[in-house]
Amino acid sequence: MPYKYIMKWRKIPEEKLRVEAWPKTKQLASVGETRRPSFVIGYVRGHKSLMISQLGSEVVGKYPSTLKNGTIKLEFPIDNLEAIADAYRIGLAAAVVSEAQSRKTAEAALKYLQHVQREEVWFWTSKLLHVLGEGLDPAKVVKALSIISGG
């Protein structure tokens, strides 16, 4: 994969979690990607970020991370498929929780995402990021995930 995945998680003053994809090397970066991520898989902030704090804690314990100025920065191992799947799972969970209109919908979709196979995580993330076909509005992805999960 031509990307390295980074999770940034800040707990104070306002909790926020963000999963980004950066070019694997500087040679692969385009002009606009030298100081910015190629794309953001998911981002959540405020009280909704508490819903995915368990997922964040699990990966912080699983992979090496650094703490700087109150922000936990975790760079997922580049060639580890399980680590990449974890990055996409957390990013998708962050995007879904951020876009959910109700707590019930967010909880149902999050419960589904915690236990689903990684191929399904990649499928839903590709829909969210407009990789397959025309893509979907994030609200429609959240609605579909909540229907599948029974929420």
Protein backbone atom coordinates (compact mmCIF):
# COMPACT_ATOMS: atom_id res chain seq x y z
CA MET A 1 0.00 0.00 0.00
CA PRO A 2 1.39 3.42 -0.90
CA TYR A 3 0.25 5.05 2.36
CA LYS A 4 1.24 5.17 5.98
CA TYR A 5 -1.60 5.57 8.43
CA ILE A 6 -1.45 7.83 11.45
CA MET A 7 -3.89 8.26 14.32
CA LYS A 8 -3.85 11.49 16.31
CA TRP A 9 -5.81 11.45 19.54
CA ARG A 10 -6.08 14.42 21.85
CA LYS A 11 -8.03 14.12 25.08
CA ILE A 12 -7.74 17.61 26.57
CA PRO A 13 -9.12 20.34 26.27
CA GLU A 14 -11.60 18.89 23.77
CA GLU A 15 -11.29 15.24 22.88
CA LYS A 16 -10.73 14.52 19.20
CA LEU A 17 -9.51 11.59 17.20
CA ARG A 18 -8.36 11.63 13.59
CA VAL A 19 -7.03 8.89 11.30
CA GLU A 20 -5.03 10.12 8.30
CA ALA A 21 -3.32 8.53 5.31
CA TRP A 22 0.03 9.99 4.28
CA PRO A 23 2.22 9.03 1.30
CA LYS A 24 4.53 6.17 2.25
CA THR A 25 7.60 8.05 1.00
CA LYS A 26 8.34 11.61 -0.06
CA GLN A 27 8.87 10.42 -3.62
CA LEU A 28 5.26 9.21 -3.79
CA ALA A 29 3.85 12.50 -2.51
CA SER A 30 2.21 14.89 -4.93
CA VAL A 31 2.71 18.64 -4.62
CA GLY A 32 -0.32 19.03 -2.33
CA GLU A 33 0.69 16.14 -0.09
CA THR A 34 4.02 17.39 1.18
CA ARG A 35 2.65 18.88 4.40
CA ARG A 36 -0.89 17.50 4.37
CA PRO A 37 -2.32 14.00 4.46
CA SER A 38 -3.45 12.41 1.20
CA PHE A 39 -6.86 11.86 2.77
CA VAL A 40 -8.54 11.61 6.15
CA ILE A 41 -10.30 8.32 6.82
CA GLY A 42 -12.26 9.60 9.79
CA TYR A 43 -12.44 12.41 12.30
CA VAL A 44 -14.55 12.87 15.41
CA ARG A 45 -14.47 15.45 18.16
CA GLY A 46 -16.28 16.43 21.31
CA HIS A 47 -18.55 14.18 23.31
CA LYS A 48 -19.04 11.77 20.37
CA SER A 49 -15.35 10.84 20.50
CA LEU A 50 -15.92 9.15 23.86
CA MET A 51 -17.84 6.45 22.00
CA ILE A 52 -14.71 5.27 20.18
CA SER A 53 -12.24 5.78 23.03
CA GLN A 54 -12.20 2.02 23.67
CA LEU A 55 -11.04 1.37 20.10
CA GLY A 56 -8.40 4.07 20.47
CA SER A 57 -7.15 2.60 23.74
CA GLU A 58 -6.89 -0.87 22.21
CA VAL A 59 -4.63 0.23 19.36
CA VAL A 60 -2.52 2.47 21.58
CA GLY A 61 -1.78 -0.62 23.66
CA LYS A 62 -1.16 -2.73 20.57
CA TYR A 63 1.18 -0.49 18.52
CA PRO A 64 3.94 1.94 19.55
CA SER A 65 2.80 5.52 20.07
CA THR A 66 4.23 8.82 21.23
CA LEU A 67 2.78 11.48 23.48
CA LYS A 68 3.60 15.09 22.65
CA ASN A 69 1.83 18.18 23.98
CA GLY A 70 -1.13 16.10 25.13
CA THR A 71 -1.64 14.40 21.75
CA ILE A 72 -1.11 10.69 21.27
CA LYS A 73 0.36 10.02 17.85
CA LEU A 74 0.32 6.47 16.59
CA GLU A 75 1.90 5.48 13.31
CA PHE A 76 0.53 2.10 12.24
CA PRO A 77 3.14 -0.39 10.97
CA ILE A 78 3.36 0.13 7.21
CA ASP A 79 3.38 -3.43 5.89
CA ASN A 80 1.17 -5.06 8.52
CA LEU A 81 -2.30 -5.83 7.11
CA GLU A 82 -3.80 -6.21 10.57
CA ALA A 83 -2.52 -2.76 11.56
CA ILE A 84 -3.85 -1.21 8.36
CA ALA A 85 -7.22 -2.86 8.99
CA ASP A 86 -7.20 -1.41 12.51
CA ALA A 87 -6.49 2.04 11.09
CA TYR A 88 -9.40 1.77 8.67
CA ARG A 89 -11.71 0.36 11.37
CA ILE A 90 -11.00 3.25 13.74
CA GLY A 91 -11.19 5.83 10.97
CA LEU A 92 -14.49 4.47 9.72
CA ALA A 93 -15.83 4.31 13.27
CA ALA A 94 -14.82 7.94 13.81
CA ALA A 95 -16.53 9.03 10.59
CA VAL A 96 -19.68 7.06 11.36
CA VAL A 97 -19.98 8.33 14.93
CA SER A 98 -19.32 11.88 13.76
CA GLU A 99 -22.03 11.72 11.07
CA ALA A 100 -24.67 9.82 13.09
CA GLN A 101 -27.81 11.81 13.87
CA SER A 102 -28.69 9.94 17.06
CA ARG A 103 -26.80 8.14 19.78
CA LYS A 104 -28.74 4.93 19.09
CA THR A 105 -27.72 4.94 15.43
CA ALA A 106 -24.09 5.64 16.31
CA GLU A 107 -23.98 2.87 18.93
CA ALA A 108 -25.53 0.30 16.59
CA ALA A 109 -23.14 1.10 13.74
CA LEU A 110 -20.16 1.16 16.10
CA LYS A 111 -21.10 -2.23 17.56
CA TYR A 112 -21.28 -3.64 14.05
CA LEU A 113 -17.92 -2.16 13.05
CA GLN A 114 -16.16 -3.54 16.12
CA HIS A 115 -16.93 -7.14 15.18
CA VAL A 116 -17.09 -7.18 11.39
CA GLN A 117 -14.43 -8.75 9.14
CA ARG A 118 -11.74 -6.42 7.76
CA GLU A 119 -12.95 -6.89 4.17
CA GLU A 120 -16.27 -5.33 5.13
CA VAL A 121 -14.47 -2.47 6.88
CA TRP A 122 -12.54 -1.80 3.65
CA PHE A 123 -15.77 -2.00 1.62
CA TRP A 124 -17.60 0.54 3.79
CA THR A 125 -14.57 2.81 3.97
CA SER A 126 -14.26 2.75 0.19
CA LYS A 127 -17.91 3.78 -0.05
CA LEU A 128 -17.36 6.57 2.46
CA LEU A 129 -14.22 7.83 0.69
CA HIS A 130 -15.81 7.58 -2.80
CA VAL A 131 -13.34 4.95 -4.02
CA LEU A 132 -15.85 2.49 -5.50
CA GLY A 133 -18.11 4.04 -8.10
CA GLU A 134 -19.54 7.43 -7.34
CA GLY A 135 -19.46 6.88 -3.60
CA LEU A 136 -22.16 7.74 -1.14
CA ASP A 137 -22.99 10.64 1.07
CA PRO A 138 -21.56 9.89 4.54
CA ALA A 139 -25.06 10.12 6.02
CA LYS A 140 -26.20 7.30 3.71
CA VAL A 141 -23.26 5.13 4.74
CA VAL A 142 -24.16 5.70 8.41
CA LYS A 143 -27.80 4.89 7.71
CA ALA A 144 -26.88 1.69 5.85
CA LEU A 145 -24.56 0.57 8.66
CA SER A 146 -27.22 1.26 11.29
CA ILE A 147 -29.80 -0.75 9.30
CA ILE A 148 -27.41 -3.69 8.92
CA SER A 149 -26.55 -3.60 12.62
CA GLY A 150 -30.20 -3.45 13.67
CA GLY A 151 -30.10 0.12 14.99
